[in-house]
Amino acid sequence: MKKIILAAGILMLSACSSTNPFTGKNSFNFVSNDQLFPSAFAQYDQFLKENKVVKGTAEAKMVESVGMKIRAAAEKYLNSIGQGQYLKDYRWEYTLVEDKAVNAWCMPGGKIVVYTGILPVTQTEAGLATVMGHEVAHALANHGAQRMSAAQVQQLGAVGVALATGKQSEERQQMWQQYYGIGSNVAGMLPFSRSQESEADQIGLTLMAIAGYNPDN
């Protein structure tokens, strides 16, 4: 029991408190970007090795174009409020993969993946911007990190250990599936809370408008 209390105390001391410029909320995160980003980038690279990346097509170019506009919108907003350094560690990439799943996601650090299966649903560039803006918003608002932080407390640091593990273990892949929807098994992802979905909707629509799209279409 004493060991559990001690471990919980260490986690509390290691928590980072900051105000998110997109939500305006102050939250404690037990998983820092220094932990999260390297693991996210490694998982992204592994995903690309295991899936067929679509390049050079009109659809792939549209994904890249929309992604760049959403990124520019986020940077423009941050610069307007004096928070231009917020995305300094992001390494943006915009990728279309061949997969029938109706899915898209954005990992911490700006790794965006769109599945070909969602394109018949989005139909237009504006429709794609709605989806990509929403997924990017989840990442910018640190929603996945918040859920990982909650799990970090519940599991007494197990998430941090998994992030630090260099190998692409089954447990690590399952963790990314649960918190960020990586992979084709969309049903395996833990749902975001209503408040997080509402925040992502609001942030995503704001980014769309700044990027020059009409959120009402």
N, C-alpha and C. Protein backbone atom coordinates (compact mmCIF):
# COMPACT_ATOMS: atom_id res chain seq x y z
N MET A 1 0.83 -1.20 0.00
CA MET A 1 0.00 0.00 0.00
C MET A 1 0.87 1.26 0.00
N LYS A 2 1.94 1.23 0.80
CA LYS A 2 2.84 2.38 0.86
C LYS A 2 3.50 2.62 -0.49
N LYS A 3 3.83 1.52 -1.19
CA LYS A 3 4.46 1.65 -2.50
C LYS A 3 3.50 2.30 -3.50
N ILE A 4 2.23 1.93 -3.40
CA ILE A 4 1.22 2.50 -4.29
C ILE A 4 1.08 4.00 -4.05
N ILE A 5 1.02 4.38 -2.76
CA ILE A 5 0.90 5.80 -2.40
C ILE A 5 2.12 6.57 -2.87
N LEU A 6 3.31 5.97 -2.70
CA LEU A 6 4.55 6.61 -3.12
C LEU A 6 4.56 6.80 -4.63
N ALA A 7 4.15 5.76 -5.36
CA ALA A 7 4.12 5.86 -6.82
C ALA A 7 3.16 6.93 -7.28
N ALA A 8 2.00 7.00 -6.64
CA ALA A 8 1.02 8.03 -6.99
C ALA A 8 1.57 9.41 -6.71
N GLY A 9 2.30 9.55 -5.61
CA GLY A 9 2.90 10.84 -5.27
C GLY A 9 3.94 11.27 -6.28
N ILE A 10 4.73 10.32 -6.75
CA ILE A 10 5.74 10.63 -7.76
C ILE A 10 5.08 11.09 -9.05
N LEU A 11 3.99 10.43 -9.42
CA LEU A 11 3.26 10.82 -10.63
C LEU A 11 2.72 12.24 -10.51
N MET A 12 2.20 12.58 -9.34
CA MET A 12 1.66 13.92 -9.13
C MET A 12 2.76 14.96 -9.28
N LEU A 13 3.94 14.66 -8.74
CA LEU A 13 5.05 15.60 -8.82
C LEU A 13 5.55 15.76 -10.24
N SER A 14 5.41 14.70 -11.04
CA SER A 14 5.92 14.74 -12.41
C SER A 14 4.93 15.35 -13.39
N ALA A 15 3.72 15.64 -12.93
CA ALA A 15 2.69 16.18 -13.81
C ALA A 15 3.05 17.59 -14.28
N CYS A 16 2.72 17.87 -15.53
CA CYS A 16 2.97 19.19 -16.09
C CYS A 16 1.63 19.93 -16.23
N SER A 17 1.57 21.12 -15.67
CA SER A 17 0.35 21.91 -15.75
C SER A 17 0.56 23.05 -16.74
N SER A 18 -0.36 23.18 -17.68
CA SER A 18 -0.26 24.26 -18.66
C SER A 18 -1.63 24.58 -19.21
N THR A 19 -1.76 25.80 -19.74
CA THR A 19 -3.01 26.22 -20.35
C THR A 19 -2.96 25.98 -21.84
N ASN A 20 -3.91 25.22 -22.35
CA ASN A 20 -3.94 24.93 -23.78
C ASN A 20 -4.47 26.14 -24.54
N PRO A 21 -3.73 26.65 -25.53
CA PRO A 21 -4.15 27.86 -26.23
C PRO A 21 -5.38 27.68 -27.10
N PHE A 22 -5.74 26.44 -27.39
CA PHE A 22 -6.91 26.19 -28.23
C PHE A 22 -8.19 26.03 -27.41
N THR A 23 -8.06 25.50 -26.19
CA THR A 23 -9.24 25.30 -25.35
C THR A 23 -9.34 26.33 -24.24
N GLY A 24 -8.21 26.95 -23.88
CA GLY A 24 -8.19 27.89 -22.77
C GLY A 24 -8.25 27.22 -21.42
N LYS A 25 -8.14 25.90 -21.41
CA LYS A 25 -8.25 25.15 -20.16
C LYS A 25 -6.87 24.81 -19.61
N ASN A 26 -6.79 24.81 -18.28
CA ASN A 26 -5.57 24.42 -17.59
C ASN A 26 -5.72 22.98 -17.13
N SER A 27 -4.78 22.13 -17.51
CA SER A 27 -4.90 20.72 -17.15
C SER A 27 -3.54 20.15 -16.76
N PHE A 28 -3.59 19.10 -15.93
CA PHE A 28 -2.38 18.39 -15.54
C PHE A 28 -2.17 17.23 -16.50
N ASN A 29 -1.00 17.18 -17.10
CA ASN A 29 -0.65 16.07 -17.98
C ASN A 29 0.52 15.29 -17.39
N PHE A 30 0.31 13.99 -17.23
CA PHE A 30 1.36 13.13 -16.72
C PHE A 30 2.21 12.56 -17.85
N VAL A 31 1.81 12.86 -19.09
CA VAL A 31 2.56 12.41 -20.26
C VAL A 31 3.00 13.65 -21.02
N SER A 32 4.29 13.92 -21.06
CA SER A 32 4.81 15.13 -21.70
C SER A 32 5.03 14.90 -23.19
N ASN A 33 5.17 16.00 -23.93
CA ASN A 33 5.46 15.89 -25.36
C ASN A 33 6.81 15.22 -25.60
N ASP A 34 7.75 15.39 -24.67
CA ASP A 34 9.04 14.73 -24.80
C ASP A 34 8.90 13.22 -24.78
N GLN A 35 7.90 12.72 -24.06
CA GLN A 35 7.60 11.30 -24.07
C GLN A 35 6.74 10.91 -25.27
N LEU A 36 5.76 11.76 -25.54
CA LEU A 36 4.71 11.42 -26.49
C LEU A 36 5.17 11.48 -27.94
N PHE A 37 5.86 12.56 -28.32
CA PHE A 37 6.18 12.77 -29.73
C PHE A 37 7.11 11.70 -30.31
N PRO A 38 8.24 11.36 -29.67
CA PRO A 38 9.10 10.32 -30.24
C PRO A 38 8.37 9.00 -30.44
N SER A 39 7.54 8.64 -29.46
CA SER A 39 6.78 7.40 -29.58
C SER A 39 5.75 7.50 -30.70
N ALA A 40 5.10 8.66 -30.82
CA ALA A 40 4.11 8.86 -31.88
C ALA A 40 4.76 8.77 -33.25
N PHE A 41 5.92 9.40 -33.41
CA PHE A 41 6.61 9.38 -34.70
C PHE A 41 7.04 7.96 -35.07
N ALA A 42 7.51 7.21 -34.08
CA ALA A 42 7.92 5.83 -34.33
C ALA A 42 6.73 4.97 -34.73
N GLN A 43 5.60 5.17 -34.04
CA GLN A 43 4.40 4.41 -34.35
C GLN A 43 3.88 4.77 -35.74
N TYR A 44 3.98 6.04 -36.10
CA TYR A 44 3.55 6.49 -37.43
C TYR A 44 4.41 5.84 -38.52
N ASP A 45 5.72 5.84 -38.32
CA ASP A 45 6.62 5.22 -39.30
C ASP A 45 6.32 3.73 -39.45
N GLN A 46 6.04 3.07 -38.34
CA GLN A 46 5.71 1.65 -38.38
C GLN A 46 4.40 1.43 -39.14
N PHE A 47 3.43 2.31 -38.91
CA PHE A 47 2.15 2.20 -39.61
C PHE A 47 2.34 2.32 -41.12
N LEU A 48 3.18 3.24 -41.55
CA LEU A 48 3.41 3.43 -42.98
C LEU A 48 4.07 2.21 -43.61
N LYS A 49 4.92 1.53 -42.85
CA LYS A 49 5.58 0.33 -43.36
C LYS A 49 4.58 -0.81 -43.57
N GLU A 50 3.52 -0.80 -42.76
CA GLU A 50 2.56 -1.91 -42.77
C GLU A 50 1.33 -1.62 -43.62
N ASN A 51 1.25 -0.44 -44.22
CA ASN A 51 0.08 -0.06 -45.00
C ASN A 51 0.49 0.55 -46.33
N LYS A 52 -0.42 0.50 -47.30
CA LYS A 52 -0.14 1.01 -48.64
C LYS A 52 -0.41 2.51 -48.70
N VAL A 53 0.65 3.27 -48.87
CA VAL A 53 0.54 4.73 -48.98
C VAL A 53 0.22 5.11 -50.42
N VAL A 54 -0.77 5.97 -50.58
CA VAL A 54 -1.16 6.45 -51.91
C VAL A 54 -0.42 7.75 -52.20
N LYS A 55 0.29 7.79 -53.32
CA LYS A 55 1.06 8.98 -53.68
C LYS A 55 0.75 9.40 -55.12
N GLY A 56 0.80 10.69 -55.36
CA GLY A 56 0.72 11.21 -56.72
C GLY A 56 -0.66 11.32 -57.32
N THR A 57 -1.67 10.78 -56.67
CA THR A 57 -3.03 10.87 -57.21
C THR A 57 -3.66 12.20 -56.84
N ALA A 58 -4.78 12.51 -57.49
CA ALA A 58 -5.50 13.74 -57.17
C ALA A 58 -5.97 13.74 -55.73
N GLU A 59 -6.39 12.56 -55.25
CA GLU A 59 -6.87 12.44 -53.87
C GLU A 59 -5.73 12.68 -52.88
N ALA A 60 -4.56 12.10 -53.16
CA ALA A 60 -3.42 12.27 -52.27
C ALA A 60 -2.98 13.73 -52.22
N LYS A 61 -3.00 14.39 -53.38
CA LYS A 61 -2.63 15.80 -53.43
C LYS A 61 -3.64 16.66 -52.68
N MET A 62 -4.92 16.26 -52.73
CA MET A 62 -5.95 17.01 -52.00
C MET A 62 -5.74 16.87 -50.50
N VAL A 63 -5.41 15.67 -50.03
CA VAL A 63 -5.15 15.45 -48.61
C VAL A 63 -3.99 16.33 -48.15
N GLU A 64 -2.93 16.38 -48.95
CA GLU A 64 -1.78 17.21 -48.59
C GLU A 64 -2.14 18.68 -48.59
N SER A 65 -2.89 19.11 -49.60
CA SER A 65 -3.29 20.52 -49.70
C SER A 65 -4.15 20.95 -48.52
N VAL A 66 -5.14 20.13 -48.19
CA VAL A 66 -6.02 20.45 -47.06
C VAL A 66 -5.22 20.45 -45.76
N GLY A 67 -4.34 19.47 -45.60
CA GLY A 67 -3.52 19.41 -44.39
C GLY A 67 -2.66 20.64 -44.21
N MET A 68 -2.05 21.11 -45.30
CA MET A 68 -1.21 22.30 -45.23
C MET A 68 -2.03 23.54 -44.88
N LYS A 69 -3.26 23.61 -45.38
CA LYS A 69 -4.12 24.75 -45.06
C LYS A 69 -4.55 24.74 -43.60
N ILE A 70 -4.87 23.55 -43.08
CA ILE A 70 -5.24 23.42 -41.67
C ILE A 70 -4.06 23.78 -40.78
N ARG A 71 -2.88 23.32 -41.17
CA ARG A 71 -1.67 23.65 -40.41
C ARG A 71 -1.44 25.16 -40.40
N ALA A 72 -1.53 25.79 -41.58
CA ALA A 72 -1.33 27.24 -41.67
C ALA A 72 -2.35 27.99 -40.83
N ALA A 73 -3.58 27.47 -40.79
CA ALA A 73 -4.63 28.11 -40.00
C ALA A 73 -4.30 28.04 -38.51
N ALA A 74 -3.82 26.88 -38.07
CA ALA A 74 -3.45 26.71 -36.66
C ALA A 74 -2.32 27.65 -36.29
N GLU A 75 -1.32 27.75 -37.17
CA GLU A 75 -0.18 28.63 -36.91
C GLU A 75 -0.60 30.10 -36.92
N LYS A 76 -1.49 30.46 -37.83
CA LYS A 76 -1.98 31.84 -37.89
C LYS A 76 -2.71 32.21 -36.61
N TYR A 77 -3.56 31.31 -36.13
CA TYR A 77 -4.30 31.56 -34.89
C TYR A 77 -3.34 31.72 -33.72
N LEU A 78 -2.37 30.82 -33.61
CA LEU A 78 -1.42 30.87 -32.50
C LEU A 78 -0.60 32.15 -32.53
N ASN A 79 -0.16 32.55 -33.71
CA ASN A 79 0.61 33.79 -33.83
C ASN A 79 -0.22 35.00 -33.42
N SER A 80 -1.52 34.94 -33.68
CA SER A 80 -2.39 36.07 -33.35
C SER A 80 -2.57 36.26 -31.85
N ILE A 81 -2.34 35.19 -31.08
CA ILE A 81 -2.48 35.29 -29.62
C ILE A 81 -1.12 35.18 -28.92
N GLY A 82 -0.04 35.32 -29.69
CA GLY A 82 1.29 35.30 -29.11
C GLY A 82 1.76 33.95 -28.64
N GLN A 83 1.22 32.88 -29.23
CA GLN A 83 1.60 31.51 -28.84
C GLN A 83 2.24 30.76 -30.01
N GLY A 84 3.01 31.47 -30.82
CA GLY A 84 3.58 30.88 -32.02
C GLY A 84 4.50 29.71 -31.80
N GLN A 85 5.07 29.59 -30.59
CA GLN A 85 6.01 28.51 -30.30
C GLN A 85 5.32 27.21 -29.91
N TYR A 86 4.01 27.23 -29.81
CA TYR A 86 3.28 26.06 -29.31
C TYR A 86 3.50 24.82 -30.18
N LEU A 87 3.66 25.03 -31.48
CA LEU A 87 3.80 23.91 -32.41
C LEU A 87 5.24 23.69 -32.86
N LYS A 88 6.20 24.24 -32.12
CA LYS A 88 7.59 24.20 -32.57
C LYS A 88 8.14 22.78 -32.71
N ASP A 89 7.61 21.83 -31.95
CA ASP A 89 8.10 20.46 -32.01
C ASP A 89 7.27 19.57 -32.93
N TYR A 90 6.26 20.16 -33.57
CA TYR A 90 5.44 19.38 -34.51
C TYR A 90 6.23 19.08 -35.78
N ARG A 91 6.03 17.91 -36.32
CA ARG A 91 6.65 17.49 -37.58
C ARG A 91 5.52 17.03 -38.51
N TRP A 92 4.90 17.98 -39.17
CA TRP A 92 3.67 17.72 -39.91
C TRP A 92 3.90 16.80 -41.12
N GLU A 93 2.99 15.87 -41.30
CA GLU A 93 2.93 15.04 -42.51
C GLU A 93 1.46 14.74 -42.79
N TYR A 94 1.14 14.64 -44.09
CA TYR A 94 -0.25 14.42 -44.50
C TYR A 94 -0.27 13.24 -45.47
N THR A 95 -0.86 12.13 -45.06
CA THR A 95 -0.74 10.88 -45.80
C THR A 95 -2.10 10.26 -46.09
N LEU A 96 -2.25 9.79 -47.32
CA LEU A 96 -3.43 9.02 -47.71
C LEU A 96 -3.03 7.56 -47.82
N VAL A 97 -3.79 6.66 -47.19
CA VAL A 97 -3.49 5.23 -47.27
C VAL A 97 -4.67 4.48 -47.89
N GLU A 98 -4.34 3.41 -48.58
CA GLU A 98 -5.36 2.57 -49.21
C GLU A 98 -5.99 1.67 -48.16
N ASP A 99 -7.21 1.98 -47.78
CA ASP A 99 -7.92 1.21 -46.77
C ASP A 99 -9.40 1.54 -46.86
N LYS A 100 -10.26 0.52 -46.83
CA LYS A 100 -11.70 0.72 -46.96
C LYS A 100 -12.34 1.29 -45.70
N ALA A 101 -11.61 1.29 -44.60
CA ALA A 101 -12.17 1.81 -43.35
C ALA A 101 -12.52 3.29 -43.48
N VAL A 102 -13.64 3.68 -42.91
CA VAL A 102 -14.03 5.09 -42.90
C VAL A 102 -13.36 5.72 -41.68
N ASN A 103 -12.14 6.21 -41.90
CA ASN A 103 -11.34 6.65 -40.76
C ASN A 103 -10.32 7.71 -41.17
N ALA A 104 -9.93 8.50 -40.21
CA ALA A 104 -8.84 9.47 -40.34
C ALA A 104 -8.38 9.79 -38.94
N TRP A 105 -7.10 10.14 -38.79
CA TRP A 105 -6.60 10.47 -37.45
C TRP A 105 -5.40 11.39 -37.55
N CYS A 106 -5.12 12.03 -36.44
CA CYS A 106 -3.94 12.88 -36.32
C CYS A 106 -3.23 12.53 -35.03
N MET A 107 -1.98 12.12 -35.14
CA MET A 107 -1.21 11.76 -33.96
C MET A 107 -0.58 13.01 -33.34
N PRO A 108 -0.14 12.90 -32.09
CA PRO A 108 0.58 14.02 -31.48
C PRO A 108 1.78 14.39 -32.34
N GLY A 109 2.00 15.66 -32.54
CA GLY A 109 3.13 16.09 -33.35
C GLY A 109 2.81 16.31 -34.80
N GLY A 110 1.51 16.13 -35.20
CA GLY A 110 1.11 16.51 -36.54
C GLY A 110 1.15 15.46 -37.62
N LYS A 111 1.15 14.18 -37.26
CA LYS A 111 1.13 13.11 -38.26
C LYS A 111 -0.33 12.78 -38.60
N ILE A 112 -0.76 13.20 -39.80
CA ILE A 112 -2.15 13.06 -40.21
C ILE A 112 -2.28 11.95 -41.25
N VAL A 113 -3.22 11.05 -41.02
CA VAL A 113 -3.49 9.96 -41.97
C VAL A 113 -4.97 9.94 -42.32
N VAL A 114 -5.25 9.88 -43.61
CA VAL A 114 -6.62 9.77 -44.11
C VAL A 114 -6.73 8.45 -44.87
N TYR A 115 -7.82 7.72 -44.64
CA TYR A 115 -8.06 6.46 -45.32
C TYR A 115 -8.90 6.71 -46.57
N THR A 116 -8.61 5.97 -47.65
CA THR A 116 -9.37 6.15 -48.89
C THR A 116 -10.86 5.86 -48.67
N GLY A 117 -11.18 5.02 -47.69
CA GLY A 117 -12.56 4.66 -47.42
C GLY A 117 -13.43 5.82 -46.96
N ILE A 118 -12.81 6.90 -46.50
CA ILE A 118 -13.61 8.03 -46.01
C ILE A 118 -13.89 9.05 -47.12
N LEU A 119 -13.17 8.96 -48.23
CA LEU A 119 -13.32 9.95 -49.30
C LEU A 119 -14.71 9.96 -49.94
N PRO A 120 -15.34 8.79 -50.15
CA PRO A 120 -16.72 8.82 -50.67
C PRO A 120 -17.70 9.49 -49.71
N VAL A 121 -17.35 9.52 -48.44
CA VAL A 121 -18.21 10.15 -47.43
C VAL A 121 -18.00 11.66 -47.42
N THR A 122 -16.74 12.09 -47.46
CA THR A 122 -16.44 13.53 -47.42
C THR A 122 -16.80 14.21 -48.75
N GLN A 123 -16.62 13.50 -49.86
CA GLN A 123 -17.01 13.93 -51.22
C GLN A 123 -16.21 15.11 -51.76
N THR A 124 -16.15 16.21 -51.03
CA THR A 124 -15.51 17.42 -51.54
C THR A 124 -14.30 17.80 -50.68
N GLU A 125 -13.55 18.77 -51.17
CA GLU A 125 -12.40 19.27 -50.40
C GLU A 125 -12.86 19.87 -49.08
N ALA A 126 -13.97 20.59 -49.10
CA ALA A 126 -14.50 21.17 -47.87
C ALA A 126 -14.93 20.09 -46.88
N GLY A 127 -15.52 19.01 -47.42
CA GLY A 127 -15.91 17.90 -46.56
C GLY A 127 -14.70 17.24 -45.93
N LEU A 128 -13.63 17.09 -46.71
CA LEU A 128 -12.40 16.53 -46.18
C LEU A 128 -11.80 17.45 -45.13
N ALA A 129 -11.87 18.76 -45.36
CA ALA A 129 -11.35 19.73 -44.40
C ALA A 129 -12.10 19.64 -43.08
N THR A 130 -13.38 19.34 -43.13
CA THR A 130 -14.17 19.19 -41.90
C THR A 130 -13.63 18.03 -41.07
N VAL A 131 -13.38 16.91 -41.73
CA VAL A 131 -12.88 15.72 -41.03
C VAL A 131 -11.46 15.95 -40.52
N MET A 132 -10.58 16.45 -41.38
CA MET A 132 -9.19 16.65 -40.99
C MET A 132 -9.06 17.71 -39.91
N GLY A 133 -9.86 18.78 -40.03
CA GLY A 133 -9.83 19.82 -39.01
C GLY A 133 -10.24 19.28 -37.65
N HIS A 134 -11.25 18.41 -37.64
CA HIS A 134 -11.72 17.81 -36.39
C HIS A 134 -10.64 16.93 -35.78
N GLU A 135 -10.00 16.09 -36.60
CA GLU A 135 -8.98 15.19 -36.07
C GLU A 135 -7.75 15.96 -35.59
N VAL A 136 -7.34 16.96 -36.34
CA VAL A 136 -6.22 17.80 -35.92
C VAL A 136 -6.56 18.51 -34.61
N ALA A 137 -7.81 18.92 -34.47
CA ALA A 137 -8.25 19.61 -33.25
C ALA A 137 -8.08 18.73 -32.02
N HIS A 138 -8.39 17.44 -32.14
CA HIS A 138 -8.20 16.53 -31.01
C HIS A 138 -6.73 16.54 -30.57
N ALA A 139 -5.82 16.53 -31.55
CA ALA A 139 -4.39 16.53 -31.23
C ALA A 139 -3.96 17.86 -30.62
N LEU A 140 -4.41 18.96 -31.21
CA LEU A 140 -4.04 20.29 -30.71
C LEU A 140 -4.56 20.53 -29.30
N ALA A 141 -5.72 19.95 -29.00
CA ALA A 141 -6.32 20.11 -27.67
C ALA A 141 -5.76 19.12 -26.66
N ASN A 142 -4.86 18.25 -27.12
CA ASN A 142 -4.22 17.24 -26.26
C ASN A 142 -5.22 16.26 -25.65
N HIS A 143 -6.27 15.95 -26.38
CA HIS A 143 -7.28 15.04 -25.84
C HIS A 143 -6.72 13.63 -25.61
N GLY A 144 -5.94 13.14 -26.56
CA GLY A 144 -5.35 11.82 -26.38
C GLY A 144 -4.39 11.79 -25.21
N ALA A 145 -3.60 12.85 -25.07
CA ALA A 145 -2.65 12.94 -23.96
C ALA A 145 -3.38 12.98 -22.63
N GLN A 146 -4.53 13.63 -22.61
CA GLN A 146 -5.32 13.68 -21.37
C GLN A 146 -5.78 12.29 -20.98
N ARG A 147 -6.21 11.50 -21.96
CA ARG A 147 -6.66 10.15 -21.65
C ARG A 147 -5.49 9.26 -21.24
N MET A 148 -4.35 9.47 -21.88
CA MET A 148 -3.16 8.72 -21.48
C MET A 148 -2.75 9.09 -20.06
N SER A 149 -2.89 10.36 -19.72
CA SER A 149 -2.53 10.82 -18.37
C SER A 149 -3.44 10.17 -17.33
N ALA A 150 -4.72 10.07 -17.65
CA ALA A 150 -5.65 9.41 -16.74
C ALA A 150 -5.28 7.95 -16.56
N ALA A 151 -4.91 7.30 -17.66
CA ALA A 151 -4.49 5.90 -17.58
C ALA A 151 -3.18 5.77 -16.82
N GLN A 152 -2.30 6.78 -16.96
CA GLN A 152 -1.03 6.78 -16.25
C GLN A 152 -1.25 6.73 -14.75
N VAL A 153 -2.24 7.47 -14.27
CA VAL A 153 -2.56 7.48 -12.85
C VAL A 153 -3.15 6.14 -12.44
N GLN A 154 -4.10 5.65 -13.22
CA GLN A 154 -4.78 4.40 -12.89
C GLN A 154 -3.82 3.22 -12.88
N GLN A 155 -2.87 3.24 -13.81
CA GLN A 155 -1.96 2.11 -13.96
C GLN A 155 -0.59 2.38 -13.34
N LEU A 156 -0.50 3.48 -12.58
CA LEU A 156 0.73 3.82 -11.86
C LEU A 156 1.97 3.83 -12.75
N GLY A 157 1.86 4.55 -13.85
CA GLY A 157 3.03 4.76 -14.69
C GLY A 157 3.20 3.80 -15.83
N ALA A 158 2.30 2.85 -16.00
CA ALA A 158 2.46 1.85 -17.06
C ALA A 158 2.47 2.47 -18.45
N VAL A 159 1.69 3.54 -18.64
CA VAL A 159 1.65 4.20 -19.95
C VAL A 159 3.00 4.83 -20.27
N GLY A 160 3.59 5.48 -19.28
CA GLY A 160 4.90 6.08 -19.49
C GLY A 160 5.95 5.06 -19.85
N VAL A 161 5.89 3.90 -19.22
CA VAL A 161 6.82 2.82 -19.53
C VAL A 161 6.61 2.34 -20.95
N ALA A 162 5.35 2.20 -21.37
CA ALA A 162 5.05 1.75 -22.73
C ALA A 162 5.55 2.75 -23.76
N LEU A 163 5.42 4.04 -23.47
CA LEU A 163 5.89 5.07 -24.40
C LEU A 163 7.41 5.04 -24.53
N ALA A 164 8.07 4.73 -23.43
CA ALA A 164 9.53 4.74 -23.43
C ALA A 164 10.12 3.50 -24.06
N THR A 165 9.31 2.46 -24.26
CA THR A 165 9.80 1.22 -24.83
C THR A 165 10.09 1.41 -26.30
N GLY A 166 11.29 1.05 -26.70
CA GLY A 166 11.68 1.25 -28.09
C GLY A 166 11.03 0.29 -29.06
N LYS A 167 10.69 -0.91 -28.62
CA LYS A 167 10.15 -1.92 -29.51
C LYS A 167 8.68 -1.65 -29.81
N GLN A 168 8.26 -2.03 -31.00
CA GLN A 168 6.86 -1.90 -31.38
C GLN A 168 6.10 -3.11 -30.86
N SER A 169 5.91 -3.15 -29.57
CA SER A 169 5.25 -4.28 -28.94
C SER A 169 3.76 -4.27 -29.24
N GLU A 170 3.13 -5.43 -29.07
CA GLU A 170 1.69 -5.53 -29.29
C GLU A 170 0.95 -4.62 -28.32
N GLU A 171 1.44 -4.54 -27.06
CA GLU A 171 0.80 -3.70 -26.06
C GLU A 171 0.88 -2.23 -26.46
N ARG A 172 2.02 -1.84 -27.00
CA ARG A 172 2.20 -0.45 -27.41
C ARG A 172 1.28 -0.09 -28.58
N GLN A 173 1.19 -0.99 -29.55
CA GLN A 173 0.32 -0.75 -30.69
C GLN A 173 -1.14 -0.68 -30.26
N GLN A 174 -1.51 -1.54 -29.31
CA GLN A 174 -2.87 -1.53 -28.80
C GLN A 174 -3.17 -0.21 -28.09
N MET A 175 -2.18 0.32 -27.39
CA MET A 175 -2.35 1.58 -26.68
C MET A 175 -2.64 2.71 -27.67
N TRP A 176 -1.89 2.78 -28.76
CA TRP A 176 -2.12 3.82 -29.76
C TRP A 176 -3.46 3.63 -30.45
N GLN A 177 -3.87 2.37 -30.64
CA GLN A 177 -5.18 2.11 -31.22
C GLN A 177 -6.28 2.64 -30.32
N GLN A 178 -6.15 2.42 -29.04
CA GLN A 178 -7.17 2.82 -28.09
C GLN A 178 -7.30 4.33 -27.98
N TYR A 179 -6.17 5.03 -27.93
CA TYR A 179 -6.21 6.47 -27.65
C TYR A 179 -6.28 7.35 -28.89
N TYR A 180 -5.82 6.82 -30.04
CA TYR A 180 -5.79 7.67 -31.24
C TYR A 180 -6.45 7.05 -32.46
N GLY A 181 -6.94 5.80 -32.36
CA GLY A 181 -7.65 5.20 -33.48
C GLY A 181 -6.76 4.74 -34.61
N ILE A 182 -5.45 4.47 -34.31
CA ILE A 182 -4.53 4.02 -35.33
C ILE A 182 -4.91 2.63 -35.79
N GLY A 183 -5.00 2.41 -37.10
CA GLY A 183 -5.34 1.10 -37.62
C GLY A 183 -6.74 1.07 -38.21
N SER A 184 -7.09 -0.09 -38.74
CA SER A 184 -8.39 -0.23 -39.41
C SER A 184 -9.51 -0.56 -38.45
N ASN A 185 -9.16 -1.08 -37.27
CA ASN A 185 -10.18 -1.48 -36.31
C ASN A 185 -10.66 -0.27 -35.53
N VAL A 186 -11.52 0.53 -36.16
CA VAL A 186 -12.00 1.76 -35.54
C VAL A 186 -12.75 1.47 -34.25
N ALA A 187 -13.41 0.31 -34.20
CA ALA A 187 -14.18 -0.05 -33.02
C ALA A 187 -13.30 -0.24 -31.80
N GLY A 188 -12.00 -0.45 -32.02
CA GLY A 188 -11.09 -0.67 -30.90
C GLY A 188 -10.66 0.61 -30.20
N MET A 189 -11.05 1.75 -30.75
CA MET A 189 -10.66 3.03 -30.16
C MET A 189 -11.60 3.41 -29.02
N LEU A 190 -11.03 3.87 -27.92
CA LEU A 190 -11.85 4.37 -26.83
C LEU A 190 -12.47 5.69 -27.25
N PRO A 191 -13.76 5.88 -27.05
CA PRO A 191 -14.42 7.11 -27.50
C PRO A 191 -13.98 8.33 -26.69
N PHE A 192 -13.88 9.47 -27.37
CA PHE A 192 -13.63 10.71 -26.66
C PHE A 192 -14.89 11.09 -25.89
N SER A 193 -14.72 11.91 -24.86
CA SER A 193 -15.86 12.35 -24.08
C SER A 193 -16.68 13.35 -24.90
N ARG A 194 -17.90 13.62 -24.45
CA ARG A 194 -18.74 14.58 -25.15
C ARG A 194 -18.11 15.96 -25.17
N SER A 195 -17.51 16.35 -24.06
CA SER A 195 -16.88 17.68 -24.00
C SER A 195 -15.69 17.75 -24.95
N GLN A 196 -14.93 16.66 -25.07
CA GLN A 196 -13.79 16.64 -25.98
C GLN A 196 -14.26 16.69 -27.43
N GLU A 197 -15.32 15.97 -27.75
CA GLU A 197 -15.86 16.01 -29.11
C GLU A 197 -16.38 17.41 -29.43
N SER A 198 -17.02 18.04 -28.46
CA SER A 198 -17.53 19.40 -28.65
C SER A 198 -16.39 20.38 -28.89
N GLU A 199 -15.31 20.24 -28.11
CA GLU A 199 -14.14 21.09 -28.29
C GLU A 199 -13.53 20.89 -29.67
N ALA A 200 -13.41 19.62 -30.09
CA ALA A 200 -12.82 19.32 -31.39
C ALA A 200 -13.68 19.89 -32.52
N ASP A 201 -14.99 19.82 -32.36
CA ASP A 201 -15.89 20.41 -33.36
C ASP A 201 -15.66 21.92 -33.47
N GLN A 202 -15.61 22.58 -32.32
CA GLN A 202 -15.46 24.04 -32.31
C GLN A 202 -14.10 24.46 -32.87
N ILE A 203 -13.05 23.80 -32.41
CA ILE A 203 -11.70 24.13 -32.88
C ILE A 203 -11.57 23.83 -34.37
N GLY A 204 -12.08 22.67 -34.78
CA GLY A 204 -11.99 22.27 -36.18
C GLY A 204 -12.69 23.24 -37.11
N LEU A 205 -13.88 23.68 -36.73
CA LEU A 205 -14.63 24.64 -37.56
C LEU A 205 -13.92 25.99 -37.61
N THR A 206 -13.30 26.37 -36.49
CA THR A 206 -12.54 27.62 -36.47
C THR A 206 -11.35 27.55 -37.42
N LEU A 207 -10.64 26.43 -37.38
CA LEU A 207 -9.50 26.24 -38.28
C LEU A 207 -9.95 26.23 -39.74
N MET A 208 -11.09 25.60 -40.00
CA MET A 208 -11.64 25.60 -41.36
C MET A 208 -11.89 27.01 -41.86
N ALA A 209 -12.52 27.83 -41.02
CA ALA A 209 -12.85 29.20 -41.41
C ALA A 209 -11.58 30.01 -41.68
N ILE A 210 -10.59 29.87 -40.79
CA ILE A 210 -9.32 30.59 -40.98
C ILE A 210 -8.64 30.13 -42.27
N ALA A 211 -8.79 28.83 -42.58
CA ALA A 211 -8.16 28.26 -43.78
C ALA A 211 -8.88 28.65 -45.06
N GLY A 212 -10.04 29.30 -44.93
CA GLY A 212 -10.74 29.77 -46.12
C GLY A 212 -11.91 28.92 -46.56
N TYR A 213 -12.26 27.92 -45.75
CA TYR A 213 -13.42 27.08 -46.08
C TYR A 213 -14.67 27.64 -45.40
N ASN A 214 -15.82 27.30 -45.94
CA ASN A 214 -17.09 27.71 -45.34
C ASN A 214 -17.59 26.60 -44.44
N PRO A 215 -17.53 26.77 -43.12
CA PRO A 215 -17.95 25.72 -42.19
C PRO A 215 -19.42 25.35 -42.31
N ASP A 216 -20.22 26.23 -42.92
CA ASP A 216 -21.66 25.98 -43.03
C ASP A 216 -22.02 25.08 -44.21
N ASN A 217 -21.05 24.84 -45.10
CA ASN A 217 -21.34 24.00 -46.27
C ASN A 217 -21.25 22.52 -45.90
